ModelCIF file with pLDDT and N, C-alpha, C, O atoms, coordinates in Angstrom:
data_MODEL
#
_entry.id   MODEL 
#
_entity.id                         1 
_entity.type                       polymer 
_entity.pdbx_number_of_molecules   1 
#
_entity_poly.entity_id                      1 
_entity_poly.type                           'polypeptide(L)' 
_entity_poly.nstd_linkage                   no 
_entity_poly.nstd_monomer                   no 
_entity_poly.pdbx_seq_one_letter_code       AANHSFYLRNCYLDNRLATGELELAGRKLDLSQISLPTYCLATRED 
_entity_poly.pdbx_seq_one_letter_code_can   AANHSFYLRNCYLDNRLATGELELAGRKLDLSQISLPTYCLATRED 
_entity_poly.pdbx_strand_id                 A 
#
loop_
_entity_poly_seq.entity_id 
_entity_poly_seq.num 
_entity_poly_seq.mon_id 
_entity_poly_seq.hetero 
1 1  ALA n 
1 2  ALA n 
1 3  ASN n 
1 4  HIS n 
1 5  SER n 
1 6  PHE n 
1 7  TYR n 
1 8  LEU n 
1 9  ARG n 
1 10 ASN n 
1 11 CYS n 
1 12 TYR n 
1 13 LEU n 
1 14 ASP n 
1 15 ASN n 
1 16 ARG n 
1 17 LEU n 
1 18 ALA n 
1 19 THR n 
1 20 GLY n 
1 21 GLU n 
1 22 LEU n 
1 23 GLU n 
1 24 LEU n 
1 25 ALA n 
1 26 GLY n 
1 27 ARG n 
1 28 LYS n 
1 29 LEU n 
1 30 ASP n 
1 31 LEU n 
1 32 SER n 
1 33 GLN n 
1 34 ILE n 
1 35 SER n 
1 36 LEU n 
1 37 PRO n 
1 38 THR n 
1 39 TYR n 
1 40 CYS n 
1 41 LEU n 
1 42 ALA n 
1 43 THR n 
1 44 ARG n 
1 45 GLU n 
1 46 ASP n 
#
_struct_asym.id          A 
_struct_asym.entity_id   1 
#
loop_
_ma_qa_metric.id 
_ma_qa_metric.mode 
_ma_qa_metric.name 
_ma_qa_metric.software_group_id 
_ma_qa_metric.type 
1 global pLDDT . pLDDT 
2 local  pLDDT . pLDDT 
#
_ma_qa_metric_global.metric_id      1 
_ma_qa_metric_global.metric_value   96.13 
_ma_qa_metric_global.model_id       1 
_ma_qa_metric_global.ordinal_id     1 
#
loop_
_ma_qa_metric_local.label_asym_id 
_ma_qa_metric_local.label_comp_id 
_ma_qa_metric_local.label_seq_id 
_ma_qa_metric_local.metric_id 
_ma_qa_metric_local.metric_value 
_ma_qa_metric_local.model_id 
_ma_qa_metric_local.ordinal_id 
A ALA 1  2 96.00 1 1  
A ALA 2  2 96.00 1 2  
A ASN 3  2 96.00 1 3  
A HIS 4  2 96.00 1 4  
A SER 5  2 96.00 1 5  
A PHE 6  2 96.00 1 6  
A TYR 7  2 96.00 1 7  
A LEU 8  2 96.00 1 8  
A ARG 9  2 96.00 1 9  
A ASN 10 2 96.00 1 10 
A CYS 11 2 97.00 1 11 
A TYR 12 2 96.00 1 12 
A LEU 13 2 95.00 1 13 
A ASP 14 2 96.00 1 14 
A ASN 15 2 97.00 1 15 
A ARG 16 2 97.00 1 16 
A LEU 17 2 97.00 1 17 
A ALA 18 2 97.00 1 18 
A THR 19 2 96.00 1 19 
A GLY 20 2 96.00 1 20 
A GLU 21 2 96.00 1 21 
A LEU 22 2 97.00 1 22 
A GLU 23 2 96.00 1 23 
A LEU 24 2 96.00 1 24 
A ALA 25 2 93.00 1 25 
A GLY 26 2 92.00 1 26 
A ARG 27 2 95.00 1 27 
A LYS 28 2 96.00 1 28 
A LEU 29 2 97.00 1 29 
A ASP 30 2 97.00 1 30 
A LEU 31 2 97.00 1 31 
A SER 32 2 96.00 1 32 
A GLN 33 2 96.00 1 33 
A ILE 34 2 96.00 1 34 
A SER 35 2 94.00 1 35 
A LEU 36 2 95.00 1 36 
A PRO 37 2 96.00 1 37 
A THR 38 2 97.00 1 38 
A TYR 39 2 98.00 1 39 
A CYS 40 2 98.00 1 40 
A LEU 41 2 98.00 1 41 
A ALA 42 2 98.00 1 42 
A THR 43 2 98.00 1 43 
A ARG 44 2 96.00 1 44 
A GLU 45 2 95.00 1 45 
A ASP 46 2 95.00 1 46 
#
loop_
_atom_site.group_PDB 
_atom_site.id 
_atom_site.type_symbol 
_atom_site.label_atom_id 
_atom_site.label_alt_id 
_atom_site.label_comp_id 
_atom_site.label_asym_id 
_atom_site.label_entity_id 
_atom_site.label_seq_id 
_atom_site.pdbx_PDB_ins_code 
_atom_site.Cartn_x 
_atom_site.Cartn_y 
_atom_site.Cartn_z 
_atom_site.occupancy 
_atom_site.B_iso_or_equiv 
_atom_site.pdbx_formal_charge 
_atom_site.auth_seq_id 
_atom_site.auth_comp_id 
_atom_site.auth_asym_id 
_atom_site.auth_atom_id 
_atom_site.pdbx_PDB_model_num 
ATOM 1   N N  . ALA A 1 1  ? 233.286 -208.499 104.462 1.00 96.00 ? 1  ALA A N  1 
ATOM 2   C CA . ALA A 1 1  ? 233.706 -209.316 103.322 1.00 96.00 ? 1  ALA A CA 1 
ATOM 3   C C  . ALA A 1 1  ? 232.512 -209.823 102.524 1.00 96.00 ? 1  ALA A C  1 
ATOM 4   O O  . ALA A 1 1  ? 232.514 -209.743 101.296 1.00 96.00 ? 1  ALA A O  1 
ATOM 5   N N  . ALA A 1 2  ? 231.493 -210.343 103.204 1.00 96.00 ? 2  ALA A N  1 
ATOM 6   C CA . ALA A 1 2  ? 230.341 -210.916 102.497 1.00 96.00 ? 2  ALA A CA 1 
ATOM 7   C C  . ALA A 1 2  ? 229.595 -209.853 101.705 1.00 96.00 ? 2  ALA A C  1 
ATOM 8   O O  . ALA A 1 2  ? 229.219 -210.081 100.555 1.00 96.00 ? 2  ALA A O  1 
ATOM 9   N N  . ASN A 1 3  ? 229.382 -208.704 102.312 1.00 96.00 ? 3  ASN A N  1 
ATOM 10  C CA . ASN A 1 3  ? 228.680 -207.607 101.648 1.00 96.00 ? 3  ASN A CA 1 
ATOM 11  C C  . ASN A 1 3  ? 229.448 -207.138 100.418 1.00 96.00 ? 3  ASN A C  1 
ATOM 12  O O  . ASN A 1 3  ? 228.872 -206.987 99.341  1.00 96.00 ? 3  ASN A O  1 
ATOM 13  N N  . HIS A 1 4  ? 230.751 -206.907 100.582 1.00 96.00 ? 4  HIS A N  1 
ATOM 14  C CA . HIS A 1 4  ? 231.544 -206.346 99.501  1.00 96.00 ? 4  HIS A CA 1 
ATOM 15  C C  . HIS A 1 4  ? 231.686 -207.337 98.345  1.00 96.00 ? 4  HIS A C  1 
ATOM 16  O O  . HIS A 1 4  ? 231.646 -206.945 97.179  1.00 96.00 ? 4  HIS A O  1 
ATOM 17  N N  . SER A 1 5  ? 231.849 -208.602 98.665  1.00 96.00 ? 5  SER A N  1 
ATOM 18  C CA . SER A 1 5  ? 231.962 -209.619 97.626  1.00 96.00 ? 5  SER A CA 1 
ATOM 19  C C  . SER A 1 5  ? 230.667 -209.703 96.812  1.00 96.00 ? 5  SER A C  1 
ATOM 20  O O  . SER A 1 5  ? 230.712 -209.788 95.585  1.00 96.00 ? 5  SER A O  1 
ATOM 21  N N  . PHE A 1 6  ? 229.530 -209.678 97.482  1.00 96.00 ? 6  PHE A N  1 
ATOM 22  C CA . PHE A 1 6  ? 228.235 -209.730 96.796  1.00 96.00 ? 6  PHE A CA 1 
ATOM 23  C C  . PHE A 1 6  ? 228.074 -208.540 95.858  1.00 96.00 ? 6  PHE A C  1 
ATOM 24  O O  . PHE A 1 6  ? 227.627 -208.686 94.721  1.00 96.00 ? 6  PHE A O  1 
ATOM 25  N N  . TYR A 1 7  ? 228.442 -207.368 96.348  1.00 96.00 ? 7  TYR A N  1 
ATOM 26  C CA . TYR A 1 7  ? 228.298 -206.141 95.561  1.00 96.00 ? 7  TYR A CA 1 
ATOM 27  C C  . TYR A 1 7  ? 229.185 -206.183 94.318  1.00 96.00 ? 7  TYR A C  1 
ATOM 28  O O  . TYR A 1 7  ? 228.723 -205.893 93.214  1.00 96.00 ? 7  TYR A O  1 
ATOM 29  N N  . LEU A 1 8  ? 230.458 -206.543 94.494  1.00 96.00 ? 8  LEU A N  1 
ATOM 30  C CA . LEU A 1 8  ? 231.375 -206.561 93.354  1.00 96.00 ? 8  LEU A CA 1 
ATOM 31  C C  . LEU A 1 8  ? 230.945 -207.597 92.314  1.00 96.00 ? 8  LEU A C  1 
ATOM 32  O O  . LEU A 1 8  ? 230.960 -207.311 91.117  1.00 96.00 ? 8  LEU A O  1 
ATOM 33  N N  . ARG A 1 9  ? 230.569 -208.775 92.749  1.00 96.00 ? 9  ARG A N  1 
ATOM 34  C CA . ARG A 1 9  ? 230.232 -209.840 91.802  1.00 96.00 ? 9  ARG A CA 1 
ATOM 35  C C  . ARG A 1 9  ? 228.897 -209.587 91.099  1.00 96.00 ? 9  ARG A C  1 
ATOM 36  O O  . ARG A 1 9  ? 228.805 -209.692 89.876  1.00 96.00 ? 9  ARG A O  1 
ATOM 37  N N  . ASN A 1 10 ? 227.890 -209.262 91.858  1.00 96.00 ? 10 ASN A N  1 
ATOM 38  C CA . ASN A 1 10 ? 226.544 -209.183 91.282  1.00 96.00 ? 10 ASN A CA 1 
ATOM 39  C C  . ASN A 1 10 ? 226.263 -207.869 90.571  1.00 96.00 ? 10 ASN A C  1 
ATOM 40  O O  . ASN A 1 10 ? 225.424 -207.813 89.672  1.00 96.00 ? 10 ASN A O  1 
ATOM 41  N N  . CYS A 1 11 ? 226.953 -206.826 90.965  1.00 97.00 ? 11 CYS A N  1 
ATOM 42  C CA . CYS A 1 11 ? 226.723 -205.524 90.322  1.00 97.00 ? 11 CYS A CA 1 
ATOM 43  C C  . CYS A 1 11 ? 227.805 -205.224 89.279  1.00 97.00 ? 11 CYS A C  1 
ATOM 44  O O  . CYS A 1 11 ? 227.506 -205.114 88.090  1.00 97.00 ? 11 CYS A O  1 
ATOM 45  N N  . TYR A 1 12 ? 229.051 -205.093 89.715  1.00 96.00 ? 12 TYR A N  1 
ATOM 46  C CA . TYR A 1 12 ? 230.112 -204.694 88.799  1.00 96.00 ? 12 TYR A CA 1 
ATOM 47  C C  . TYR A 1 12 ? 230.512 -205.798 87.821  1.00 96.00 ? 12 TYR A C  1 
ATOM 48  O O  . TYR A 1 12 ? 230.656 -205.535 86.627  1.00 96.00 ? 12 TYR A O  1 
ATOM 49  N N  . LEU A 1 13 ? 230.693 -207.025 88.304  1.00 95.00 ? 13 LEU A N  1 
ATOM 50  C CA . LEU A 1 13 ? 231.202 -208.081 87.435  1.00 95.00 ? 13 LEU A CA 1 
ATOM 51  C C  . LEU A 1 13 ? 230.136 -208.630 86.497  1.00 95.00 ? 13 LEU A C  1 
ATOM 52  O O  . LEU A 1 13 ? 230.338 -208.672 85.284  1.00 95.00 ? 13 LEU A O  1 
ATOM 53  N N  . ASP A 1 14 ? 229.006 -209.048 87.050  1.00 96.00 ? 14 ASP A N  1 
ATOM 54  C CA . ASP A 1 14 ? 227.977 -209.719 86.240  1.00 96.00 ? 14 ASP A CA 1 
ATOM 55  C C  . ASP A 1 14 ? 226.782 -208.835 85.894  1.00 96.00 ? 14 ASP A C  1 
ATOM 56  O O  . ASP A 1 14 ? 225.953 -209.219 85.069  1.00 96.00 ? 14 ASP A O  1 
ATOM 57  N N  . ASN A 1 15 ? 226.680 -207.656 86.513  1.00 97.00 ? 15 ASN A N  1 
ATOM 58  C CA . ASN A 1 15 ? 225.592 -206.711 86.219  1.00 97.00 ? 15 ASN A CA 1 
ATOM 59  C C  . ASN A 1 15 ? 224.219 -207.376 86.342  1.00 97.00 ? 15 ASN A C  1 
ATOM 60  O O  . ASN A 1 15 ? 223.329 -207.113 85.533  1.00 97.00 ? 15 ASN A O  1 
ATOM 61  N N  . ARG A 1 16 ? 224.045 -208.222 87.332  1.00 97.00 ? 16 ARG A N  1 
ATOM 62  C CA . ARG A 1 16 ? 222.819 -209.003 87.470  1.00 97.00 ? 16 ARG A CA 1 
ATOM 63  C C  . ARG A 1 16 ? 221.597 -208.161 87.825  1.00 97.00 ? 16 ARG A C  1 
ATOM 64  O O  . ARG A 1 16 ? 220.471 -208.520 87.479  1.00 97.00 ? 16 ARG A O  1 
ATOM 65  N N  . LEU A 1 17 ? 221.814 -207.050 88.508  1.00 97.00 ? 17 LEU A N  1 
ATOM 66  C CA . LEU A 1 17 ? 220.667 -206.214 88.870  1.00 97.00 ? 17 LEU A CA 1 
ATOM 67  C C  . LEU A 1 17 ? 220.006 -205.647 87.621  1.00 97.00 ? 17 LEU A C  1 
ATOM 68  O O  . LEU A 1 17 ? 218.779 -205.627 87.522  1.00 97.00 ? 17 LEU A O  1 
ATOM 69  N N  . ALA A 1 18 ? 220.812 -205.187 86.668  1.00 97.00 ? 18 ALA A N  1 
ATOM 70  C CA . ALA A 1 18 ? 220.266 -204.587 85.449  1.00 97.00 ? 18 ALA A CA 1 
ATOM 71  C C  . ALA A 1 18 ? 219.597 -205.622 84.550  1.00 97.00 ? 18 ALA A C  1 
ATOM 72  O O  . ALA A 1 18 ? 218.621 -205.314 83.866  1.00 97.00 ? 18 ALA A O  1 
ATOM 73  N N  . THR A 1 19 ? 220.118 -206.846 84.551  1.00 96.00 ? 19 THR A N  1 
ATOM 74  C CA . THR A 1 19 ? 219.586 -207.876 83.650  1.00 96.00 ? 19 THR A CA 1 
ATOM 75  C C  . THR A 1 19 ? 218.425 -208.648 84.257  1.00 96.00 ? 19 THR A C  1 
ATOM 76  O O  . THR A 1 19 ? 217.848 -209.512 83.596  1.00 96.00 ? 19 THR A O  1 
ATOM 77  N N  . GLY A 1 20 ? 218.075 -208.352 85.505  1.00 96.00 ? 20 GLY A N  1 
ATOM 78  C CA . GLY A 1 20 ? 216.959 -209.040 86.138  1.00 96.00 ? 20 GLY A CA 1 
ATOM 79  C C  . GLY A 1 20 ? 217.306 -210.427 86.648  1.00 96.00 ? 20 GLY A C  1 
ATOM 80  O O  . GLY A 1 20 ? 216.407 -211.233 86.889  1.00 96.00 ? 20 GLY A O  1 
ATOM 81  N N  . GLU A 1 21 ? 218.604 -210.728 86.819  1.00 96.00 ? 21 GLU A N  1 
ATOM 82  C CA . GLU A 1 21 ? 219.031 -212.052 87.254  1.00 96.00 ? 21 GLU A CA 1 
ATOM 83  C C  . GLU A 1 21 ? 219.463 -212.086 88.721  1.00 96.00 ? 21 GLU A C  1 
ATOM 84  O O  . GLU A 1 21 ? 219.801 -213.150 89.240  1.00 96.00 ? 21 GLU A O  1 
ATOM 85  N N  . LEU A 1 22 ? 219.455 -210.937 89.390  1.00 97.00 ? 22 LEU A N  1 
ATOM 86  C CA . LEU A 1 22 ? 219.922 -210.886 90.768  1.00 97.00 ? 22 LEU A CA 1 
ATOM 87  C C  . LEU A 1 22 ? 218.892 -211.488 91.713  1.00 97.00 ? 22 LEU A C  1 
ATOM 88  O O  . LEU A 1 22 ? 217.709 -211.153 91.653  1.00 97.00 ? 22 LEU A O  1 
ATOM 89  N N  . GLU A 1 23 ? 219.348 -212.377 92.583  1.00 96.00 ? 23 GLU A N  1 
ATOM 90  C CA . GLU A 1 23 ? 218.496 -212.965 93.616  1.00 96.00 ? 23 GLU A CA 1 
ATOM 91  C C  . GLU A 1 23 ? 218.989 -212.530 94.985  1.00 96.00 ? 23 GLU A C  1 
ATOM 92  O O  . GLU A 1 23 ? 220.186 -212.558 95.271  1.00 96.00 ? 23 GLU A O  1 
ATOM 93  N N  . LEU A 1 24 ? 218.047 -212.128 95.822  1.00 96.00 ? 24 LEU A N  1 
ATOM 94  C CA . LEU A 1 24 ? 218.382 -211.687 97.174  1.00 96.00 ? 24 LEU A CA 1 
ATOM 95  C C  . LEU A 1 24 ? 217.280 -212.130 98.119  1.00 96.00 ? 24 LEU A C  1 
ATOM 96  O O  . LEU A 1 24 ? 216.098 -211.908 97.858  1.00 96.00 ? 24 LEU A O  1 
ATOM 97  N N  . ALA A 1 25 ? 217.671 -212.755 99.214  1.00 93.00 ? 25 ALA A N  1 
ATOM 98  C CA . ALA A 1 25 ? 216.735 -213.208 100.241 1.00 93.00 ? 25 ALA A CA 1 
ATOM 99  C C  . ALA A 1 25 ? 215.575 -213.988 99.624  1.00 93.00 ? 25 ALA A C  1 
ATOM 100 O O  . ALA A 1 25 ? 214.415 -213.783 99.981  1.00 93.00 ? 25 ALA A O  1 
ATOM 101 N N  . GLY A 1 26 ? 215.904 -214.881 98.697  1.00 92.00 ? 26 GLY A N  1 
ATOM 102 C CA . GLY A 1 26 ? 214.908 -215.780 98.141  1.00 92.00 ? 26 GLY A CA 1 
ATOM 103 C C  . GLY A 1 26 ? 214.049 -215.227 97.032  1.00 92.00 ? 26 GLY A C  1 
ATOM 104 O O  . GLY A 1 26 ? 213.084 -215.874 96.624  1.00 92.00 ? 26 GLY A O  1 
ATOM 105 N N  . ARG A 1 27 ? 214.370 -214.048 96.530  1.00 95.00 ? 27 ARG A N  1 
ATOM 106 C CA . ARG A 1 27 ? 213.546 -213.454 95.466  1.00 95.00 ? 27 ARG A CA 1 
ATOM 107 C C  . ARG A 1 27 ? 214.430 -212.948 94.332  1.00 95.00 ? 27 ARG A C  1 
ATOM 108 O O  . ARG A 1 27 ? 215.502 -212.389 94.566  1.00 95.00 ? 27 ARG A O  1 
ATOM 109 N N  . LYS A 1 28 ? 213.964 -213.152 93.097  1.00 96.00 ? 28 LYS A N  1 
ATOM 110 C CA . LYS A 1 28 ? 214.632 -212.577 91.931  1.00 96.00 ? 28 LYS A CA 1 
ATOM 111 C C  . LYS A 1 28 ? 214.112 -211.157 91.745  1.00 96.00 ? 28 LYS A C  1 
ATOM 112 O O  . LYS A 1 28 ? 212.908 -210.917 91.834  1.00 96.00 ? 28 LYS A O  1 
ATOM 113 N N  . LEU A 1 29 ? 215.013 -210.221 91.487  1.00 97.00 ? 29 LEU A N  1 
ATOM 114 C CA . LEU A 1 29 ? 214.666 -208.802 91.493  1.00 97.00 ? 29 LEU A CA 1 
ATOM 115 C C  . LEU A 1 29 ? 214.484 -208.269 90.080  1.00 97.00 ? 29 LEU A C  1 
ATOM 116 O O  . LEU A 1 29 ? 215.264 -208.575 89.177  1.00 97.00 ? 29 LEU A O  1 
ATOM 117 N N  . ASP A 1 30 ? 213.440 -207.466 89.906  1.00 97.00 ? 30 ASP A N  1 
ATOM 118 C CA . ASP A 1 30 ? 213.114 -206.856 88.613  1.00 97.00 ? 30 ASP A CA 1 
ATOM 119 C C  . ASP A 1 30 ? 212.884 -205.367 88.844  1.00 97.00 ? 30 ASP A C  1 
ATOM 120 O O  . ASP A 1 30 ? 211.886 -204.974 89.449  1.00 97.00 ? 30 ASP A O  1 
ATOM 121 N N  . LEU A 1 31 ? 213.807 -204.542 88.362  1.00 97.00 ? 31 LEU A N  1 
ATOM 122 C CA . LEU A 1 31 ? 213.697 -203.095 88.590  1.00 97.00 ? 31 LEU A CA 1 
ATOM 123 C C  . LEU A 1 31 ? 212.476 -202.489 87.922  1.00 97.00 ? 31 LEU A C  1 
ATOM 124 O O  . LEU A 1 31 ? 211.996 -201.444 88.359  1.00 97.00 ? 31 LEU A O  1 
ATOM 125 N N  . SER A 1 32 ? 211.967 -203.113 86.885  1.00 96.00 ? 32 SER A N  1 
ATOM 126 C CA . SER A 1 32 ? 210.791 -202.563 86.197  1.00 96.00 ? 32 SER A CA 1 
ATOM 127 C C  . SER A 1 32 ? 209.541 -202.628 87.067  1.00 96.00 ? 32 SER A C  1 
ATOM 128 O O  . SER A 1 32 ? 208.527 -202.008 86.744  1.00 96.00 ? 32 SER A O  1 
ATOM 129 N N  . GLN A 1 33 ? 209.607 -203.378 88.173  1.00 96.00 ? 33 GLN A N  1 
ATOM 130 C CA . GLN A 1 33 ? 208.467 -203.458 89.086  1.00 96.00 ? 33 GLN A CA 1 
ATOM 131 C C  . GLN A 1 33 ? 208.429 -202.291 90.072  1.00 96.00 ? 33 GLN A C  1 
ATOM 132 O O  . GLN A 1 33 ? 207.490 -202.167 90.859  1.00 96.00 ? 33 GLN A O  1 
ATOM 133 N N  . ILE A 1 34 ? 209.460 -201.429 90.026  1.00 96.00 ? 34 ILE A N  1 
ATOM 134 C CA . ILE A 1 34 ? 209.469 -200.235 90.881  1.00 96.00 ? 34 ILE A CA 1 
ATOM 135 C C  . ILE A 1 34 ? 208.612 -199.175 90.197  1.00 96.00 ? 34 ILE A C  1 
ATOM 136 O O  . ILE A 1 34 ? 208.984 -198.651 89.147  1.00 96.00 ? 34 ILE A O  1 
ATOM 137 N N  . SER A 1 35 ? 207.478 -198.864 90.789  1.00 94.00 ? 35 SER A N  1 
ATOM 138 C CA . SER A 1 35 ? 206.514 -197.982 90.115  1.00 94.00 ? 35 SER A CA 1 
ATOM 139 C C  . SER A 1 35 ? 206.227 -196.696 90.871  1.00 94.00 ? 35 SER A C  1 
ATOM 140 O O  . SER A 1 35 ? 205.388 -195.911 90.430  1.00 94.00 ? 35 SER A O  1 
ATOM 141 N N  . LEU A 1 36 ? 206.891 -196.452 91.995  1.00 95.00 ? 36 LEU A N  1 
ATOM 142 C CA . LEU A 1 36 ? 206.611 -195.232 92.754  1.00 95.00 ? 36 LEU A CA 1 
ATOM 143 C C  . LEU A 1 36 ? 207.346 -194.051 92.123  1.00 95.00 ? 36 LEU A C  1 
ATOM 144 O O  . LEU A 1 36 ? 208.256 -194.266 91.321  1.00 95.00 ? 36 LEU A O  1 
ATOM 145 N N  . PRO A 1 37 ? 206.983 -192.813 92.456  1.00 96.00 ? 37 PRO A N  1 
ATOM 146 C CA . PRO A 1 37 ? 207.665 -191.635 91.902  1.00 96.00 ? 37 PRO A CA 1 
ATOM 147 C C  . PRO A 1 37 ? 209.157 -191.640 92.266  1.00 96.00 ? 37 PRO A C  1 
ATOM 148 O O  . PRO A 1 37 ? 209.520 -191.922 93.409  1.00 96.00 ? 37 PRO A O  1 
ATOM 149 N N  . THR A 1 38 ? 210.012 -191.328 91.295  1.00 97.00 ? 38 THR A N  1 
ATOM 150 C CA . THR A 1 38 ? 211.455 -191.342 91.538  1.00 97.00 ? 38 THR A CA 1 
ATOM 151 C C  . THR A 1 38 ? 212.103 -190.070 91.011  1.00 97.00 ? 38 THR A C  1 
ATOM 152 O O  . THR A 1 38 ? 211.697 -189.516 89.989  1.00 97.00 ? 38 THR A O  1 
ATOM 153 N N  . TYR A 1 39 ? 213.110 -189.628 91.731  1.00 98.00 ? 39 TYR A N  1 
ATOM 154 C CA . TYR A 1 39 ? 213.923 -188.460 91.373  1.00 98.00 ? 39 TYR A CA 1 
ATOM 155 C C  . TYR A 1 39 ? 215.355 -188.942 91.296  1.00 98.00 ? 39 TYR A C  1 
ATOM 156 O O  . TYR A 1 39 ? 215.821 -189.642 92.195  1.00 98.00 ? 39 TYR A O  1 
ATOM 157 N N  . CYS A 1 40 ? 216.055 -188.585 90.247  1.00 98.00 ? 40 CYS A N  1 
ATOM 158 C CA . CYS A 1 40 ? 217.433 -189.055 90.083  1.00 98.00 ? 40 CYS A CA 1 
ATOM 159 C C  . CYS A 1 40 ? 218.359 -187.892 89.776  1.00 98.00 ? 40 CYS A C  1 
ATOM 160 O O  . CYS A 1 40 ? 218.078 -187.071 88.903  1.00 98.00 ? 40 CYS A O  1 
ATOM 161 N N  . LEU A 1 41 ? 219.464 -187.832 90.504  1.00 98.00 ? 41 LEU A N  1 
ATOM 162 C CA . LEU A 1 41 ? 220.500 -186.836 90.256  1.00 98.00 ? 41 LEU A CA 1 
ATOM 163 C C  . LEU A 1 41 ? 221.774 -187.534 89.805  1.00 98.00 ? 41 LEU A C  1 
ATOM 164 O O  . LEU A 1 41 ? 222.237 -188.473 90.453  1.00 98.00 ? 41 LEU A O  1 
ATOM 165 N N  . ALA A 1 42 ? 222.341 -187.075 88.690  1.00 98.00 ? 42 ALA A N  1 
ATOM 166 C CA . ALA A 1 42 ? 223.684 -187.474 88.263  1.00 98.00 ? 42 ALA A CA 1 
ATOM 167 C C  . ALA A 1 42 ? 224.537 -186.218 88.212  1.00 98.00 ? 42 ALA A C  1 
ATOM 168 O O  . ALA A 1 42 ? 224.011 -185.107 88.141  1.00 98.00 ? 42 ALA A O  1 
ATOM 169 N N  . THR A 1 43 ? 225.850 -186.391 88.248  1.00 98.00 ? 43 THR A N  1 
ATOM 170 C CA . THR A 1 43 ? 226.742 -185.229 88.142  1.00 98.00 ? 43 THR A CA 1 
ATOM 171 C C  . THR A 1 43 ? 227.627 -185.394 86.908  1.00 98.00 ? 43 THR A C  1 
ATOM 172 O O  . THR A 1 43 ? 228.075 -186.496 86.590  1.00 98.00 ? 43 THR A O  1 
ATOM 173 N N  . ARG A 1 44 ? 227.864 -184.300 86.235  1.00 96.00 ? 44 ARG A N  1 
ATOM 174 C CA . ARG A 1 44 ? 228.435 -184.343 84.890  1.00 96.00 ? 44 ARG A CA 1 
ATOM 175 C C  . ARG A 1 44 ? 229.877 -184.841 84.866  1.00 96.00 ? 44 ARG A C  1 
ATOM 176 O O  . ARG A 1 44 ? 230.287 -185.467 83.889  1.00 96.00 ? 44 ARG A O  1 
ATOM 177 N N  . GLU A 1 45 ? 230.658 -184.579 85.919  1.00 95.00 ? 45 GLU A N  1 
ATOM 178 C CA . GLU A 1 45 ? 232.068 -184.950 85.930  1.00 95.00 ? 45 GLU A CA 1 
ATOM 179 C C  . GLU A 1 45 ? 232.346 -186.091 86.909  1.00 95.00 ? 45 GLU A C  1 
ATOM 180 O O  . GLU A 1 45 ? 233.460 -186.225 87.417  1.00 95.00 ? 45 GLU A O  1 
ATOM 181 N N  . ASP A 1 46 ? 231.336 -186.903 87.166  1.00 95.00 ? 46 ASP A N  1 
ATOM 182 C CA . ASP A 1 46 ? 231.449 -187.974 88.154  1.00 95.00 ? 46 ASP A CA 1 
ATOM 183 C C  . ASP A 1 46 ? 232.402 -189.063 87.666  1.00 95.00 ? 46 ASP A C  1 
ATOM 184 O O  . ASP A 1 46 ? 232.622 -190.050 88.368  1.00 95.00 ? 46 ASP A O  1 
#
């Protein structure tokens, strides 16, 4: 319950991860600070 509620509210409802407002374990998260090499796959009919 705790995990699913956090995910629905902070990601789907308020989109806090994308806006830089998400806090987890005492830290505010900023995706722009991820600087390592990344590979991303999307699927066209997802």
